[in-house]
Protein backbone atom coordinates (compact mmCIF):
# COMPACT_ATOMS: atom_id res chain seq x y z
CA UNK A 1 35.99 -63.26 -84.79
CA UNK A 2 34.76 -64.37 -88.21
CA UNK A 3 36.96 -65.79 -90.85
CA UNK A 4 40.08 -66.60 -88.95
CA UNK A 5 39.66 -70.37 -88.47
CA UNK A 6 41.96 -72.53 -90.41
CA UNK A 7 43.72 -69.52 -92.03
CA UNK A 8 47.49 -69.24 -92.00
CA UNK A 9 49.20 -66.25 -90.54
CA UNK A 10 52.86 -65.01 -90.79
CA UNK A 11 53.62 -63.07 -87.66
CA UNK A 12 56.99 -61.27 -87.52
CA UNK A 13 58.40 -60.29 -84.22
CA UNK A 14 56.26 -63.11 -82.83
CA UNK A 15 58.50 -64.15 -79.98
CA UNK A 16 57.75 -61.45 -77.61
CA UNK A 17 55.64 -58.38 -76.88
CA UNK A 18 52.86 -57.51 -79.25
CA UNK A 19 53.83 -60.15 -81.69
CA UNK A 20 53.58 -62.82 -79.05
CA UNK A 21 50.03 -61.79 -78.15
CA UNK A 22 48.94 -61.58 -81.69
CA UNK A 23 50.25 -65.23 -82.20
CA UNK A 24 48.46 -66.50 -79.23
CA UNK A 25 45.27 -64.74 -80.08
CA UNK A 26 45.12 -65.89 -83.59
CA UNK A 27 45.79 -69.44 -82.49
CA UNK A 28 42.89 -69.12 -80.09
CA UNK A 29 40.78 -68.00 -82.92
CA UNK A 30 41.62 -71.13 -84.90
CA UNK A 31 44.43 -69.78 -87.21
CA UNK A 32 47.60 -71.69 -87.94
CA UNK A 33 50.56 -69.50 -87.09
CA UNK A 34 54.12 -69.01 -88.32
CA UNK A 35 55.84 -67.34 -85.28
CA UNK A 36 58.57 -65.40 -87.01
CA UNK A 37 61.67 -64.24 -84.87
CA UNK A 38 65.32 -63.87 -85.14
CA UNK A 39 65.54 -65.70 -81.71
CA UNK A 40 64.73 -69.36 -82.08
CA UNK A 41 64.26 -70.00 -78.39
CA UNK A 42 61.62 -67.08 -78.27
CA UNK A 43 59.67 -68.37 -81.28
CA UNK A 44 59.75 -71.87 -80.11
CA UNK A 45 58.46 -70.97 -76.75
CA UNK A 46 55.40 -69.15 -78.30
CA UNK A 47 54.91 -72.21 -80.47
CA UNK A 48 55.01 -74.55 -77.45
CA UNK A 49 52.35 -72.35 -75.74
CA UNK A 50 50.08 -72.42 -78.70
CA UNK A 51 50.35 -76.23 -79.16
CA UNK A 52 49.80 -76.76 -75.35
CA UNK A 53 46.61 -74.92 -75.80
CA UNK A 54 45.51 -77.07 -78.72
CA UNK A 55 46.45 -74.80 -81.61
CA UNK A 56 48.84 -75.22 -84.58
CA UNK A 57 51.99 -73.30 -85.04
CA UNK A 58 55.58 -73.56 -86.25
CA UNK A 59 58.63 -71.45 -85.39
CA UNK A 60 60.17 -69.64 -88.32
CA UNK A 61 63.63 -68.27 -87.70
CA UNK A 62 64.43 -65.22 -89.92
CA UNK A 63 66.06 -61.89 -90.00
CA UNK A 64 63.30 -59.70 -91.34
CA UNK A 65 65.72 -57.31 -93.04
CA UNK A 66 67.03 -60.14 -95.24
CA UNK A 67 65.18 -60.69 -98.52
CA UNK A 68 66.58 -64.30 -98.75
CA UNK A 69 65.49 -65.11 -95.17
CA UNK A 70 62.03 -63.58 -95.42
CA UNK A 71 61.44 -65.42 -98.68
CA UNK A 72 62.70 -68.57 -97.22
CA UNK A 73 60.35 -67.96 -94.09
CA UNK A 74 57.24 -67.48 -96.23
CA UNK A 75 57.93 -70.58 -98.15
CA UNK A 76 58.58 -72.55 -94.83
CA UNK A 77 54.95 -71.55 -93.79
CA UNK A 78 53.58 -72.61 -97.15
CA UNK A 79 55.35 -75.88 -97.02
CA UNK A 80 53.88 -76.51 -93.55
CA UNK A 81 50.23 -75.35 -94.22
CA UNK A 82 49.81 -74.95 -97.99
CA UNK A 83 49.01 -71.27 -97.90
CA UNK A 84 49.43 -67.77 -96.39
CA UNK A 85 46.42 -65.77 -95.73
CA UNK A 86 47.61 -63.18 -93.15
CA UNK A 87 50.79 -61.14 -92.38
CA UNK A 88 51.16 -59.26 -89.21
CA UNK A 89 54.28 -57.14 -89.25
CA UNK A 90 55.16 -56.74 -85.46
CA UNK A 91 58.96 -56.78 -85.78
CA UNK A 92 60.30 -53.35 -84.68
CA UNK A 93 62.86 -51.35 -82.88
CA UNK A 94 63.03 -48.29 -80.83
CA UNK A 95 66.60 -47.03 -80.16
CA UNK A 96 66.09 -43.66 -78.49
CA UNK A 97 68.46 -42.46 -81.21
CA UNK A 98 67.76 -38.70 -80.59
CA UNK A 99 67.25 -36.05 -83.12
CA UNK A 100 69.01 -35.65 -86.47
CA UNK A 101 72.13 -34.09 -84.99
CA UNK A 102 72.68 -36.82 -82.51
CA UNK A 103 71.40 -39.82 -84.29
CA UNK A 104 74.17 -42.02 -85.79
CA UNK A 105 74.13 -43.23 -89.29
CA UNK A 106 74.08 -46.88 -87.94
CA UNK A 107 70.96 -46.19 -85.69
CA UNK A 108 69.13 -44.57 -88.68
CA UNK A 109 69.84 -47.45 -91.05
CA UNK A 110 69.00 -50.08 -88.35
CA UNK A 111 65.66 -48.32 -87.48
CA UNK A 112 64.68 -48.09 -91.14
CA UNK A 113 65.62 -51.57 -92.12
CA UNK A 114 63.77 -53.28 -89.16
CA UNK A 115 60.70 -50.88 -89.07
CA UNK A 116 60.28 -50.27 -92.76
CA UNK A 117 62.28 -52.64 -94.97
CA UNK A 118 60.93 -55.58 -93.24
CA UNK A 119 57.38 -54.64 -94.23
CA UNK A 120 58.44 -54.14 -97.96
CA UNK A 121 59.98 -57.68 -97.84
CA UNK A 122 57.10 -59.45 -96.26
CA UNK A 123 54.76 -57.89 -98.76
CA UNK A 124 57.14 -58.66 -101.59
CA UNK A 125 57.28 -62.35 -100.75
CA UNK A 126 53.89 -62.98 -99.02
CA UNK A 127 51.37 -60.99 -101.21
CA UNK A 128 51.80 -63.32 -104.13
CA UNK A 129 51.09 -66.24 -101.85
CA UNK A 130 48.03 -64.52 -100.25
CA UNK A 131 46.59 -63.79 -103.72
CA UNK A 132 47.12 -67.49 -104.66
CA UNK A 133 45.20 -68.33 -101.57
CA UNK A 134 42.16 -66.29 -102.63
CA UNK A 135 42.97 -63.07 -100.67
CA UNK A 136 43.69 -62.10 -97.15
CA UNK A 137 44.82 -59.43 -94.95
CA UNK A 138 48.01 -57.61 -93.76
CA UNK A 139 48.31 -55.52 -90.60
CA UNK A 140 51.52 -53.38 -90.10
CA UNK A 141 52.29 -51.85 -86.76
CA UNK A 142 53.08 -48.18 -87.00
CA UNK A 143 52.73 -45.87 -84.05
CA UNK A 144 51.15 -42.60 -82.87
CA UNK A 145 54.60 -41.23 -83.47
CA UNK A 146 54.14 -41.63 -87.07
CA UNK A 147 51.59 -38.91 -86.82
CA UNK A 148 53.04 -36.45 -84.41
CA UNK A 149 56.57 -35.39 -83.63
CA UNK A 150 58.75 -37.13 -81.22
CA UNK A 151 61.75 -34.87 -80.52
CA UNK A 152 64.02 -37.69 -79.21
CA UNK A 153 63.50 -40.21 -81.95
CA UNK A 154 63.99 -38.93 -85.46
CA UNK A 155 64.51 -42.25 -87.09
CA UNK A 156 61.70 -43.88 -85.17
CA UNK A 157 59.21 -41.18 -86.03
CA UNK A 158 60.34 -41.18 -89.71
CA UNK A 159 60.00 -45.01 -90.04
CA UNK A 160 56.51 -45.06 -88.56
CA UNK A 161 55.36 -42.15 -90.84
CA UNK A 162 56.74 -44.37 -93.70
CA UNK A 163 54.83 -47.44 -92.51
CA UNK A 164 51.59 -45.53 -92.57
CA UNK A 165 52.01 -44.41 -96.12
CA UNK A 166 53.41 -47.79 -97.34
CA UNK A 167 50.25 -49.28 -95.85
CA UNK A 168 48.07 -46.95 -98.00
CA UNK A 169 50.16 -47.67 -101.05
CA UNK A 170 49.84 -51.50 -100.60
CA UNK A 171 46.16 -51.18 -99.86
CA UNK A 172 45.33 -49.27 -103.05
CA UNK A 173 47.62 -51.43 -105.21
CA UNK A 174 46.18 -54.73 -104.10
CA UNK A 175 42.48 -53.95 -103.35
CA UNK A 176 41.33 -55.73 -106.51
CA UNK A 177 43.47 -58.76 -105.55
CA UNK A 178 41.35 -59.16 -102.42
CA UNK A 179 44.28 -58.23 -100.11
CA UNK A 180 43.36 -55.79 -97.44
CA UNK A 181 46.19 -53.76 -95.83
CA UNK A 182 45.81 -51.74 -92.75
CA UNK A 183 47.91 -50.41 -89.88
CA UNK A 184 47.55 -49.90 -86.01
CA UNK A 185 48.98 -46.89 -84.30
CA UNK A 186 49.79 -47.92 -80.63
CA UNK A 187 50.74 -45.42 -78.16
CA UNK A 188 53.45 -46.53 -75.75
CA UNK A 189 52.85 -50.06 -74.87
CA UNK A 190 53.95 -52.05 -71.78
CA UNK A 191 56.27 -54.46 -73.61
CA UNK A 192 60.03 -55.65 -73.28
CA UNK A 193 60.94 -53.15 -76.10
CA UNK A 194 59.80 -50.17 -73.87
CA UNK A 195 61.50 -51.66 -70.88
CA UNK A 196 64.74 -52.09 -72.82
CA UNK A 197 64.51 -48.51 -74.22
CA UNK A 198 64.14 -47.12 -70.72
CA UNK A 199 67.01 -49.06 -69.50
CA UNK A 200 65.94 -49.13 -65.63
CA UNK A 201 64.49 -51.77 -63.48
CA UNK A 202 62.30 -52.09 -60.41
CA UNK A 203 60.72 -48.98 -58.93
CA UNK A 204 62.61 -46.79 -61.39
CA UNK A 205 61.19 -48.54 -64.37
CA UNK A 206 57.61 -48.12 -62.91
CA UNK A 207 58.32 -44.37 -62.50
CA UNK A 208 59.54 -44.16 -66.01
CA UNK A 209 56.49 -45.95 -67.22
CA UNK A 210 54.18 -43.57 -65.41
CA UNK A 211 56.02 -40.70 -67.08
CA UNK A 212 55.26 -42.12 -70.43
CA UNK A 213 51.72 -42.71 -69.68
CA UNK A 214 51.17 -39.10 -68.41
CA UNK A 215 50.16 -37.84 -71.86
CA UNK A 216 47.68 -40.61 -72.48
CA UNK A 217 44.15 -39.67 -71.51
CA UNK A 218 43.54 -43.09 -70.04
CA UNK A 219 46.62 -42.56 -67.79
CA UNK A 220 48.28 -45.87 -68.44
CA UNK A 221 50.38 -47.64 -71.10
CA UNK A 222 48.62 -49.79 -73.62
CA UNK A 223 48.79 -53.68 -72.86
CA UNK A 224 49.89 -55.90 -75.85
CA UNK A 225 46.70 -57.92 -75.59
CA UNK A 226 44.82 -54.72 -76.42
CA UNK A 227 46.80 -54.01 -79.53
CA UNK A 228 46.42 -57.77 -80.47
CA UNK A 229 42.65 -57.36 -80.33
CA UNK A 230 42.59 -54.50 -82.71
CA UNK A 231 44.95 -56.35 -85.09
CA UNK A 232 42.79 -59.49 -84.91
CA UNK A 233 39.73 -57.44 -85.75
CA UNK A 234 41.37 -55.93 -88.83
CA UNK A 235 42.47 -59.30 -90.12
CA UNK A 236 38.92 -60.80 -89.64
CA UNK A 237 36.03 -60.71 -91.92
CA UNK A 238 34.35 -58.40 -89.54
CA UNK A 239 36.65 -55.76 -91.15
CA UNK A 240 35.95 -57.01 -94.70
CA UNK A 241 35.36 -53.47 -96.18
CA UNK A 242 38.18 -51.70 -94.33
CA UNK A 243 41.57 -51.25 -96.09
CA UNK A 244 44.26 -48.50 -96.16
CA UNK A 245 43.29 -47.19 -92.57
CA UNK A 246 45.64 -46.39 -89.77
CA UNK A 247 43.73 -47.34 -86.63
CA UNK A 248 44.95 -45.58 -83.30
CA UNK A 249 44.97 -47.83 -80.34
CA UNK A 250 46.19 -45.28 -77.98
CA UNK A 251 43.88 -44.48 -75.10
CA UNK A 252 43.10 -41.26 -76.61
CA UNK A 253 46.62 -39.90 -77.26
CA UNK A 254 46.03 -38.52 -80.60
CA UNK A 255 42.84 -36.62 -79.68
CA UNK A 256 44.82 -34.18 -77.69
C-alpha cells in the first residue's frame, strides 16, 4: 500500500494476536516497527521474525496504562528511528466480567485502563511526535460491541464505545495537524485473547468458537490477518481522506 515504506510505527499489544499481525504486515510494507508489549519475550519474538524477513523493528517493553512507561516507549522509538508516524492501539483485554451487578470494581477499572486509558496515553505522547514528523495516522481497535449491547460484558462494551467516540474527538482535533485517526470494529476474532476468555481447550474450544461465530453472516470468526489488512489500509495514503471513521471488519455482524 502507498505511503508506508520507511515510516515508523508504534504498535501496542504487538506481541500477539492482532498486534502481532499488524507488526508483521507493516514491516512487510517497509515500515519500521516498535513492537510494544508488557511481555518482553513476546515482543522480542515478533521483532526477530521481522528482522529474519529483512525488516526493521525493536521491542518496546511498556505497560500501556502507565504514563511514564508510554512516554518512555515513544521516546525509545524516536531514539531508534528519529520519528513516529503511526500508532496502532491493539492492546486490549476482555475479562468476561458480566453485567453491572456482577462486574467487580477491579475488573471494571482494569478494562477501562487497558482498553481506553492506553489510547489516551499513546495519543498524549505520540501525537506531538507525529506532528513533528509532518503528519501521520492512528488506528484504534474498538469492537462491534462498542455499537451493540453485549449482556455479558458491561465493562468491555462501555470501553469500546468510549474508544469509538475518543477516536472521533482525536480526529476532529488533529485534522489540521495532518494526523488522521480512525478505528476498526472487529467481530470476535480467532486470537489468544478469545481462547483465554473461553477458558477451554481442544474440541471444546472449537465448539465454543463455533458458537461465537454463529451470529456472524460469514459463519466464522475473523482472522487476525484480516483485521491487520484493514488497519494497514487506514494507515496508508490510500486512505488519505478518511478520518474519524469506525470501520467494521465483522463478516456482516453489524448488518443484522
